[in-house]
PDB file of N, CA and C in Angstrom:
ATOM      1  N   MET A   1     -10.495  -0.744   0.077  1.00  0.00           N
ATOM      2  CA  MET A   1     -11.733  -1.346  -0.347  1.00  0.00           C
ATOM      3  C   MET A   1     -11.382  -2.510  -1.282  1.00  0.00           C
ATOM      4  N   ARG A   2     -11.640  -3.697  -0.825  1.00  0.00           N
ATOM      5  CA  ARG A   2     -11.310  -4.882  -1.620  1.00  0.00           C
ATOM      6  C   ARG A   2     -12.260  -4.991  -2.807  1.00  0.00           C
ATOM      7  N   LEU A   3     -11.676  -5.170  -4.007  1.00  0.00           N
ATOM      8  CA  LEU A   3     -12.468  -5.309  -5.225  1.00  0.00           C
ATOM      9  C   LEU A   3     -12.506  -6.743  -5.724  1.00  0.00           C
ATOM     10  N   THR A   4     -11.360  -7.430  -5.652  1.00  0.00           N
ATOM     11  CA  THR A   4     -11.256  -8.840  -6.030  1.00  0.00           C
ATOM     12  C   THR A   4     -10.334  -9.508  -5.021  1.00  0.00           C
ATOM     13  N   ASP A   5      -9.984 -10.765  -5.264  1.00  0.00           N
ATOM     14  CA  ASP A   5      -9.088 -11.468  -4.344  1.00  0.00           C
ATOM     15  C   ASP A   5      -7.757 -10.760  -4.162  1.00  0.00           C
ATOM     16  N   ARG A   6      -7.276 -10.072  -5.193  1.00  0.00           N
ATOM     17  CA  ARG A   6      -5.950  -9.465  -5.135  1.00  0.00           C
ATOM     18  C   ARG A   6      -5.912  -7.967  -5.416  1.00  0.00           C
ATOM     19  N   VAL A   7      -7.027  -7.379  -5.741  1.00  0.00           N
ATOM     20  CA  VAL A   7      -7.049  -5.966  -6.140  1.00  0.00           C
ATOM     21  C   VAL A   7      -7.884  -5.156  -5.147  1.00  0.00           C
ATOM     22  N   TYR A   8      -7.307  -4.032  -4.721  1.00  0.00           N
ATOM     23  CA  TYR A   8      -7.937  -3.155  -3.747  1.00  0.00           C
ATOM     24  C   TYR A   8      -7.946  -1.726  -4.277  1.00  0.00           C
ATOM     25  N   LEU A   9      -8.993  -0.986  -3.989  1.00  0.00           N
ATOM     26  CA  LEU A   9      -9.026   0.447  -4.232  1.00  0.00           C
ATOM     27  C   LEU A   9      -8.554   1.104  -2.942  1.00  0.00           C
ATOM     28  N   VAL A  10      -7.380   1.743  -2.976  1.00  0.00           N
ATOM     29  CA  VAL A  10      -6.792   2.305  -1.757  1.00  0.00           C
ATOM     30  C   VAL A  10      -6.709   3.825  -1.782  1.00  0.00           C
ATOM     31  N   GLY A  11      -7.014   4.424  -2.911  1.00  0.00           N
ATOM     32  CA  GLY A  11      -7.033   5.875  -3.019  1.00  0.00           C
ATOM     33  C   GLY A  11      -8.109   6.302  -3.989  1.00  0.00           C
ATOM     34  N   SER A  12      -8.755   7.412  -3.670  1.00  0.00           N
ATOM     35  CA  SER A  12      -9.810   7.930  -4.535  1.00  0.00           C
ATOM     36  C   SER A  12     -10.193   9.302  -4.015  1.00  0.00           C
ATOM     37  N   GLY A  13     -10.288  10.259  -4.919  1.00  0.00           N
ATOM     38  CA  GLY A  13     -10.581  11.626  -4.515  1.00  0.00           C
ATOM     39  C   GLY A  13     -12.036  12.014  -4.692  1.00  0.00           C
ATOM     40  N   ALA A  14     -12.234  13.291  -4.993  1.00  0.00           N
ATOM     41  CA  ALA A  14     -13.573  13.871  -5.081  1.00  0.00           C
ATOM     42  C   ALA A  14     -14.415  13.257  -6.192  1.00  0.00           C
ATOM     43  N   ASN A  15     -13.775  12.715  -7.215  1.00  0.00           N
ATOM     44  CA  ASN A  15     -14.528  12.089  -8.304  1.00  0.00           C
ATOM     45  C   ASN A  15     -14.873  10.638  -8.015  1.00  0.00           C
ATOM     46  N   GLY A  16     -14.543  10.175  -6.822  1.00  0.00           N
ATOM     47  CA  GLY A  16     -14.795   8.776  -6.485  1.00  0.00           C
ATOM     48  C   GLY A  16     -15.380   8.637  -5.091  1.00  0.00           C
ATOM     49  N   PHE A  17     -14.606   8.004  -4.204  1.00  0.00           N
ATOM     50  CA  PHE A  17     -15.101   7.641  -2.880  1.00  0.00           C
ATOM     51  C   PHE A  17     -14.484   8.438  -1.734  1.00  0.00           C
ATOM     52  N   TYR A  18     -13.683   9.472  -2.034  1.00  0.00           N
ATOM     53  CA  TYR A  18     -13.023  10.269  -0.994  1.00  0.00           C
ATOM     54  C   TYR A  18     -12.231   9.397  -0.020  1.00  0.00           C
ATOM     55  N   LEU A  19     -11.464   8.465  -0.540  1.00  0.00           N
ATOM     56  CA  LEU A  19     -10.638   7.617   0.320  1.00  0.00           C
ATOM     57  C   LEU A  19      -9.315   8.271   0.677  1.00  0.00           C
ATOM     58  N   SER A  20      -8.905   9.265  -0.121  1.00  0.00           N
ATOM     59  CA  SER A  20      -7.612   9.906   0.095  1.00  0.00           C
ATOM     60  C   SER A  20      -7.745  11.389  -0.257  1.00  0.00           C
ATOM     61  N   HIS A  21      -6.687  12.008  -0.745  1.00  0.00           N
ATOM     62  CA  HIS A  21      -6.702  13.435  -1.093  1.00  0.00           C
ATOM     63  C   HIS A  21      -7.803  13.714  -2.110  1.00  0.00           C
ATOM     64  N   ALA A  22      -8.473  14.838  -1.966  1.00  0.00           N
ATOM     65  CA  ALA A  22      -9.596  15.176  -2.850  1.00  0.00           C
ATOM     66  C   ALA A  22      -9.205  15.209  -4.322  1.00  0.00           C
ATOM     67  N   SER A  23      -7.932  15.487  -4.622  1.00  0.00           N
ATOM     68  CA  SER A  23      -7.476  15.568  -6.017  1.00  0.00           C
ATOM     69  C   SER A  23      -6.940  14.251  -6.559  1.00  0.00           C
ATOM     70  N   ASP A  24      -6.904  13.213  -5.740  1.00  0.00           N
ATOM     71  CA  ASP A  24      -6.353  11.928  -6.187  1.00  0.00           C
ATOM     72  C   ASP A  24      -7.217  11.270  -7.256  1.00  0.00           C
ATOM     73  N   CYS A  25      -6.534  10.581  -8.148  1.00  0.00           N
ATOM     74  CA  CYS A  25      -7.206   9.657  -9.057  1.00  0.00           C
ATOM     75  C   CYS A  25      -7.543   8.404  -8.248  1.00  0.00           C
ATOM     76  N   SER A  26      -8.095   7.419  -8.888  1.00  0.00           N
ATOM     77  CA  SER A  26      -8.265   6.121  -8.232  1.00  0.00           C
ATOM     78  C   SER A  26      -6.904   5.440  -8.185  1.00  0.00           C
ATOM     79  N   VAL A  27      -6.512   4.980  -7.008  1.00  0.00           N
ATOM     80  CA  VAL A  27      -5.237   4.298  -6.800  1.00  0.00           C
ATOM     81  C   VAL A  27      -5.558   2.867  -6.386  1.00  0.00           C
ATOM     82  N   TYR A  28      -4.980   1.923  -7.109  1.00  0.00           N
ATOM     83  CA  TYR A  28      -5.245   0.511  -6.856  1.00  0.00           C
ATOM     84  C   TYR A  28      -4.003  -0.172  -6.307  1.00  0.00           C
ATOM     85  N   ALA A  29      -4.201  -1.126  -5.421  1.00  0.00           N
ATOM     86  CA  ALA A  29      -3.126  -1.978  -4.921  1.00  0.00           C
ATOM     87  C   ALA A  29      -3.380  -3.387  -5.424  1.00  0.00           C
ATOM     88  N   VAL A  30      -2.335  -3.997  -5.969  1.00  0.00           N
ATOM     89  CA  VAL A  30      -2.416  -5.379  -6.433  1.00  0.00           C
ATOM     90  C   VAL A  30      -1.520  -6.215  -5.530  1.00  0.00           C
ATOM     91  N   ASP A  31      -2.118  -7.154  -4.821  1.00  0.00           N
ATOM     92  CA  ASP A  31      -1.391  -8.046  -3.920  1.00  0.00           C
ATOM     93  C   ASP A  31      -0.795  -9.177  -4.745  1.00  0.00           C
ATOM     94  N   CYS A  32       0.525  -9.220  -4.787  1.00  0.00           N
ATOM     95  CA  CYS A  32       1.241 -10.224  -5.592  1.00  0.00           C
ATOM     96  C   CYS A  32       1.854 -11.285  -4.689  1.00  0.00           C
ATOM     97  N   ASP A  33       1.080 -11.784  -3.732  1.00  0.00           N
ATOM     98  CA  ASP A  33       1.553 -12.781  -2.764  1.00  0.00           C
ATOM     99  C   ASP A  33       2.792 -12.309  -2.018  1.00  0.00           C
ATOM    100  N   GLY A  34       2.707 -11.158  -1.434  1.00  0.00           N
ATOM    101  CA  GLY A  34       3.814 -10.566  -0.677  1.00  0.00           C
ATOM    102  C   GLY A  34       4.091  -9.167  -1.174  1.00  0.00           C
ATOM    103  N   PRO A  35       4.771  -9.059  -2.324  1.00  0.00           N
ATOM    104  CA  PRO A  35       4.980  -7.718  -2.881  1.00  0.00           C
ATOM    105  C   PRO A  35       3.643  -7.096  -3.293  1.00  0.00           C
ATOM    106  N   ILE A  36       3.578  -5.784  -3.181  1.00  0.00           N
ATOM    107  CA  ILE A  36       2.390  -5.039  -3.590  1.00  0.00           C
ATOM    108  C   ILE A  36       2.782  -4.059  -4.680  1.00  0.00           C
ATOM    109  N   VAL A  37       1.984  -4.007  -5.728  1.00  0.00           N
ATOM    110  CA  VAL A  37       2.158  -3.038  -6.808  1.00  0.00           C
ATOM    111  C   VAL A  37       1.015  -2.038  -6.714  1.00  0.00           C
ATOM    112  N   LEU A  38       1.361  -0.755  -6.715  1.00  0.00           N
ATOM    113  CA  LEU A  38       0.336   0.280  -6.774  1.00  0.00           C
ATOM    114  C   LEU A  38       0.168   0.718  -8.218  1.00  0.00           C
ATOM    115  N   VAL A  39      -1.068   0.789  -8.670  1.00  0.00           N
ATOM    116  CA  VAL A  39      -1.377   1.336  -9.986  1.00  0.00           C
ATOM    117  C   VAL A  39      -1.773   2.787  -9.738  1.00  0.00           C
ATOM    118  N   ASP A  40      -0.869   3.677 -10.107  1.00  0.00           N
ATOM    119  CA  ASP A  40      -0.918   5.112  -9.866  1.00  0.00           C
ATOM    120  C   ASP A  40      -0.614   5.404  -8.398  1.00  0.00           C
ATOM    121  N   ALA A  41      -0.254   6.676  -8.131  1.00  0.00           N
ATOM    122  CA  ALA A  41       0.249   7.038  -6.808  1.00  0.00           C
ATOM    123  C   ALA A  41      -0.477   8.209  -6.168  1.00  0.00           C
ATOM    124  N   GLY A  42      -1.469   8.761  -6.841  1.00  0.00           N
ATOM    125  CA  GLY A  42      -2.148   9.926  -6.300  1.00  0.00           C
ATOM    126  C   GLY A  42      -1.268  11.161  -6.364  1.00  0.00           C
ATOM    127  N   VAL A  43      -1.717  12.249  -5.733  1.00  0.00           N
ATOM    128  CA  VAL A  43      -1.007  13.524  -5.811  1.00  0.00           C
ATOM    129  C   VAL A  43       0.129  13.650  -4.808  1.00  0.00           C
ATOM    130  N   GLY A  44       0.159  12.786  -3.824  1.00  0.00           N
ATOM    131  CA  GLY A  44       1.167  12.926  -2.778  1.00  0.00           C
ATOM    132  C   GLY A  44       0.592  13.687  -1.595  1.00  0.00           C
ATOM    133  N   TYR A  45       1.469  14.424  -0.906  1.00  0.00           N
ATOM    134  CA  TYR A  45       1.067  15.189   0.269  1.00  0.00           C
ATOM    135  C   TYR A  45       0.381  14.268   1.284  1.00  0.00           C
ATOM    136  N   GLU A  46      -0.670  14.766   1.930  1.00  0.00           N
ATOM    137  CA  GLU A  46      -1.361  13.939   2.930  1.00  0.00           C
ATOM    138  C   GLU A  46      -2.093  12.765   2.292  1.00  0.00           C
ATOM    139  N   GLY A  47      -2.295  12.809   0.980  1.00  0.00           N
ATOM    140  CA  GLY A  47      -2.928  11.690   0.286  1.00  0.00           C
ATOM    141  C   GLY A  47      -2.134  10.406   0.432  1.00  0.00           C
ATOM    142  N   THR A  48      -0.801  10.533   0.435  1.00  0.00           N
ATOM    143  CA  THR A  48       0.042   9.348   0.612  1.00  0.00           C
ATOM    144  C   THR A  48      -0.198   8.734   1.986  1.00  0.00           C
ATOM    145  N   ASP A  49      -0.321   9.580   3.006  1.00  0.00           N
ATOM    146  CA  ASP A  49      -0.603   9.072   4.354  1.00  0.00           C
ATOM    147  C   ASP A  49      -1.945   8.341   4.399  1.00  0.00           C
ATOM    148  N   LEU A  50      -2.932   8.892   3.716  1.00  0.00           N
ATOM    149  CA  LEU A  50      -4.255   8.256   3.704  1.00  0.00           C
ATOM    150  C   LEU A  50      -4.230   6.936   2.942  1.00  0.00           C
ATOM    151  N   ILE A  51      -3.505   6.887   1.835  1.00  0.00           N
ATOM    152  CA  ILE A  51      -3.356   5.632   1.088  1.00  0.00           C
ATOM    153  C   ILE A  51      -2.645   4.603   1.964  1.00  0.00           C
ATOM    154  N   TRP A  52      -1.614   5.039   2.683  1.00  0.00           N
ATOM    155  CA  TRP A  52      -0.886   4.166   3.611  1.00  0.00           C
ATOM    156  C   TRP A  52      -1.868   3.563   4.626  1.00  0.00           C
ATOM    157  N   GLN A  53      -2.706   4.409   5.215  1.00  0.00           N
ATOM    158  CA  GLN A  53      -3.688   3.943   6.195  1.00  0.00           C
ATOM    159  C   GLN A  53      -4.719   3.005   5.565  1.00  0.00           C
ATOM    160  N   ASN A  54      -5.113   3.286   4.330  1.00  0.00           N
ATOM    161  CA  ASN A  54      -6.072   2.413   3.646  1.00  0.00           C
ATOM    162  C   ASN A  54      -5.477   1.040   3.372  1.00  0.00           C
ATOM    163  N   LEU A  55      -4.196   0.993   3.034  1.00  0.00           N
ATOM    164  CA  LEU A  55      -3.531  -0.304   2.858  1.00  0.00           C
ATOM    165  C   LEU A  55      -3.591  -1.094   4.163  1.00  0.00           C
ATOM    166  N   LEU A  56      -3.246  -0.433   5.263  1.00  0.00           N
ATOM    167  CA  LEU A  56      -3.293  -1.101   6.569  1.00  0.00           C
ATOM    168  C   LEU A  56      -4.708  -1.582   6.891  1.00  0.00           C
ATOM    169  N   ARG A  57      -5.692  -0.734   6.644  1.00  0.00           N
ATOM    170  CA  ARG A  57      -7.092  -1.086   6.918  1.00  0.00           C
ATOM    171  C   ARG A  57      -7.511  -2.339   6.152  1.00  0.00           C
ATOM    172  N   ASP A  58      -6.969  -2.483   4.934  1.00  0.00           N
ATOM    173  CA  ASP A  58      -7.306  -3.643   4.107  1.00  0.00           C
ATOM    174  C   ASP A  58      -6.416  -4.853   4.392  1.00  0.00           C
ATOM    175  N   GLY A  59      -5.580  -4.753   5.422  1.00  0.00           N
ATOM    176  CA  GLY A  59      -4.738  -5.880   5.809  1.00  0.00           C
ATOM    177  C   GLY A  59      -3.478  -6.033   4.986  1.00  0.00           C
ATOM    178  N   LEU A  60      -3.076  -4.966   4.297  1.00  0.00           N
ATOM    179  CA  LEU A  60      -1.868  -4.994   3.476  1.00  0.00           C
ATOM    180  C   LEU A  60      -0.774  -4.177   4.154  1.00  0.00           C
ATOM    181  N   ASP A  61       0.463  -4.615   4.016  1.00  0.00           N
ATOM    182  CA  ASP A  61       1.595  -3.917   4.614  1.00  0.00           C
ATOM    183  C   ASP A  61       2.137  -2.887   3.628  1.00  0.00           C
ATOM    184  N   PRO A  62       2.014  -1.590   3.913  1.00  0.00           N
ATOM    185  CA  PRO A  62       2.522  -0.571   2.997  1.00  0.00           C
ATOM    186  C   PRO A  62       4.017  -0.699   2.721  1.00  0.00           C
ATOM    187  N   ASN A  63       4.758  -1.265   3.672  1.00  0.00           N
ATOM    188  CA  ASN A  63       6.192  -1.459   3.459  1.00  0.00           C
ATOM    189  C   ASN A  63       6.475  -2.510   2.394  1.00  0.00           C
ATOM    190  N   SER A  64       5.448  -3.243   1.973  1.00  0.00           N
ATOM    191  CA  SER A  64       5.602  -4.259   0.929  1.00  0.00           C
ATOM    192  C   SER A  64       5.372  -3.708  -0.469  1.00  0.00           C
ATOM    193  N   VAL A  65       5.096  -2.393  -0.582  1.00  0.00           N
ATOM    194  CA  VAL A  65       4.942  -1.785  -1.906  1.00  0.00           C
ATOM    195  C   VAL A  65       6.319  -1.758  -2.566  1.00  0.00           C
ATOM    196  N   THR A  66       6.462  -2.522  -3.643  1.00  0.00           N
ATOM    197  CA  THR A  66       7.752  -2.621  -4.332  1.00  0.00           C
ATOM    198  C   THR A  66       7.788  -1.857  -5.639  1.00  0.00           C
ATOM    199  N   HIS A  67       6.626  -1.678  -6.266  1.00  0.00           N
ATOM    200  CA  HIS A  67       6.575  -1.027  -7.576  1.00  0.00           C
ATOM    201  C   HIS A  67       5.352  -0.125  -7.688  1.00  0.00           C
ATOM    202  N   LEU A  68       5.514   0.925  -8.478  1.00  0.00           N
ATOM    203  CA  LEU A  68       4.420   1.804  -8.873  1.00  0.00           C
ATOM    204  C   LEU A  68       4.280   1.688 -10.375  1.00  0.00           C
ATOM    205  N   LEU A  69       3.077   1.474 -10.835  1.00  0.00           N
ATOM    206  CA  LEU A  69       2.786   1.467 -12.267  1.00  0.00           C
ATOM    207  C   LEU A  69       1.968   2.725 -12.538  1.00  0.00           C
ATOM    208  N   LEU A  70       2.611   3.714 -13.162  1.00  0.00           N
ATOM    209  CA  LEU A  70       1.941   4.984 -13.434  1.00  0.00           C
ATOM    210  C   LEU A  70       1.339   4.944 -14.825  1.00  0.00           C
ATOM    211  N   THR A  71       0.046   5.182 -14.902  1.00  0.00           N
ATOM    212  CA  THR A  71      -0.641   5.088 -16.187  1.00  0.00           C
ATOM    213  C   THR A  71      -0.332   6.267 -17.095  1.00  0.00           C
ATOM    214  N   HIS A  72      -0.080   7.433 -16.509  1.00  0.00           N
ATOM    215  CA  HIS A  72       0.352   8.608 -17.269  1.00  0.00           C
ATOM    216  C   HIS A  72       0.848   9.672 -16.297  1.00  0.00           C
ATOM    217  N   LYS A  73       1.355  10.793 -16.840  1.00  0.00           N
ATOM    218  CA  LYS A  73       2.092  11.742 -16.008  1.00  0.00           C
ATOM    219  C   LYS A  73       1.260  12.825 -15.326  1.00  0.00           C
ATOM    220  N   HIS A  74      -0.029  12.836 -15.463  1.00  0.00           N
ATOM    221  CA  HIS A  74      -0.817  13.853 -14.771  1.00  0.00           C
ATOM    222  C   HIS A  74      -0.560  13.773 -13.265  1.00  0.00           C
ATOM    223  N   ALA A  75      -0.551  14.935 -12.620  1.00  0.00           N
ATOM    224  CA  ALA A  75      -0.181  15.014 -11.206  1.00  0.00           C
ATOM    225  C   ALA A  75      -1.069  14.169 -10.295  1.00  0.00           C
ATOM    226  N   ASP A  76      -2.342  14.013 -10.647  1.00  0.00           N
ATOM    227  CA  ASP A  76      -3.224  13.218  -9.789  1.00  0.00           C
ATOM    228  C   ASP A  76      -2.893  11.730  -9.839  1.00  0.00           C
ATOM    229  N   HIS A  77      -2.110  11.323 -10.821  1.00  0.00           N
ATOM    230  CA  HIS A  77      -1.682   9.927 -10.968  1.00  0.00           C
ATOM    231  C   HIS A  77      -0.234   9.713 -10.521  1.00  0.00           C
ATOM    232  N   SER A  78       0.615  10.726 -10.707  1.00  0.00           N
ATOM    233  CA  SER A  78       2.052  10.527 -10.516  1.00  0.00           C
ATOM    234  C   SER A  78       2.676  11.344  -9.393  1.00  0.00           C
ATOM    235  N   GLY A  79       1.956  12.325  -8.852  1.00  0.00           N
ATOM    236  CA  GLY A  79       2.544  13.220  -7.856  1.00  0.00           C
ATOM    237  C   GLY A  79       3.072  12.527  -6.615  1.00  0.00           C
ATOM    238  N   GLY A  80       2.464  11.438  -6.206  1.00  0.00           N
ATOM    239  CA  GLY A  80       2.889  10.736  -4.998  1.00  0.00           C
ATOM    240  C   GLY A  80       4.026   9.752  -5.199  1.00  0.00           C
ATOM    241  N   ALA A  81       4.514   9.623  -6.421  1.00  0.00           N
ATOM    242  CA  ALA A  81       5.560   8.623  -6.698  1.00  0.00           C
ATOM    243  C   ALA A  81       6.806   8.851  -5.854  1.00  0.00           C
ATOM    244  N   VAL A  82       7.230  10.099  -5.718  1.00  0.00           N
ATOM    245  CA  VAL A  82       8.434  10.374  -4.934  1.00  0.00           C
ATOM    246  C   VAL A  82       8.227   9.984  -3.469  1.00  0.00           C
ATOM    247  N   ASP A  83       7.020  10.185  -2.941  1.00  0.00           N
ATOM    248  CA  ASP A  83       6.744   9.782  -1.555  1.00  0.00           C
ATOM    249  C   ASP A  83       6.960   8.283  -1.367  1.00  0.00           C
ATOM    250  N   TRP A  84       6.440   7.489  -2.294  1.00  0.00           N
ATOM    251  CA  TRP A  84       6.569   6.033  -2.179  1.00  0.00           C
ATOM    252  C   TRP A  84       8.010   5.590  -2.363  1.00  0.00           C
ATOM    253  N   HIS A  85       8.731   6.265  -3.238  1.00  0.00           N
ATOM    254  CA  HIS A  85      10.150   5.932  -3.414  1.00  0.00           C
ATOM    255  C   HIS A  85      10.923   6.245  -2.133  1.00  0.00           C
ATOM    256  N   GLU A  86      10.676   7.410  -1.554  1.00  0.00           N
ATOM    257  CA  GLU A  86      11.394   7.797  -0.339  1.00  0.00           C
ATOM    258  C   GLU A  86      11.013   6.937   0.858  1.00  0.00           C
ATOM    259  N   ARG A  87       9.762   6.560   0.975  1.00  0.00           N
ATOM    260  CA  ARG A  87       9.311   5.789   2.140  1.00  0.00           C
ATOM    261  C   ARG A  87       9.722   4.325   2.091  1.00  0.00           C
ATOM    262  N   VAL A  88       9.546   3.692   0.928  1.00  0.00           N
ATOM    263  CA  VAL A  88       9.753   2.239   0.870  1.00  0.00           C
ATOM    264  C   VAL A  88      10.678   1.801  -0.262  1.00  0.00           C
ATOM    265  N   GLY A  89      11.218   2.767  -1.023  1.00  0.00           N
ATOM    266  CA  GLY A  89      12.114   2.413  -2.122  1.00  0.00           C
ATOM    267  C   GLY A  89      11.407   1.842  -3.332  1.00  0.00           C
ATOM    268  N   ALA A  90      10.112   2.124  -3.468  1.00  0.00           N
ATOM    269  CA  ALA A  90       9.347   1.579  -4.595  1.00  0.00           C
ATOM    270  C   ALA A  90       9.933   2.037  -5.925  1.00  0.00           C
ATOM    271  N   LYS A  91      10.030   1.104  -6.850  1.00  0.00           N
ATOM    272  CA  LYS A  91      10.495   1.410  -8.202  1.00  0.00           C
ATOM    273  C   LYS A  91       9.306   1.852  -9.038  1.00  0.00           C
ATOM    274  N   THR A  92       9.553   2.801  -9.926  1.00  0.00           N
ATOM    275  CA  THR A  92       8.480   3.355 -10.746  1.00  0.00           C
ATOM    276  C   THR A  92       8.574   2.854 -12.168  1.00  0.00           C
ATOM    277  N   MET A  93       7.440   2.421 -12.689  1.00  0.00           N
ATOM    278  CA  MET A  93       7.305   2.061 -14.102  1.00  0.00           C
ATOM    279  C   MET A  93       6.222   2.963 -14.659  1.00  0.00           C
ATOM    280  N   ALA A  94       6.449   3.480 -15.870  1.00  0.00           N
ATOM    281  CA  ALA A  94       5.485   4.418 -16.443  1.00  0.00           C
ATOM    282  C   ALA A  94       5.356   4.199 -17.936  1.00  0.00           C
ATOM    283  N   THR A  95       4.209   4.600 -18.449  1.00  0.00           N
ATOM    284  CA  THR A  95       4.002   4.553 -19.888  1.00  0.00           C
ATOM    285  C   THR A  95       4.709   5.737 -20.523  1.00  0.00           C
ATOM    286  N   ALA A  96       4.867   5.674 -21.834  1.00  0.00           N
ATOM    287  CA  ALA A  96       5.574   6.748 -22.548  1.00  0.00           C
ATOM    288  C   ALA A  96       4.718   7.981 -22.658  1.00  0.00           C
TER     289      ALA A  96
END
């Protein structure tokens, strides 16, 4: 779901738009003219597959995800980080 010229909502659970796993937080994709940064990663599991499909639906290449910016360590925000690292080698940045 495109929000601005460069920002997309690509994941959202039961507290939002049901775009991905029911337990997911809101997951945003920032298009950086090629590379894509995800803000949070959701819980993982099938949610990662749904986020992948949402990126494609919005015209973004999931293989271009280079970084994850995790806002905090709760599982609904960080659980999918390992999936993105294993799939595309995304580097993780996190707050303390």
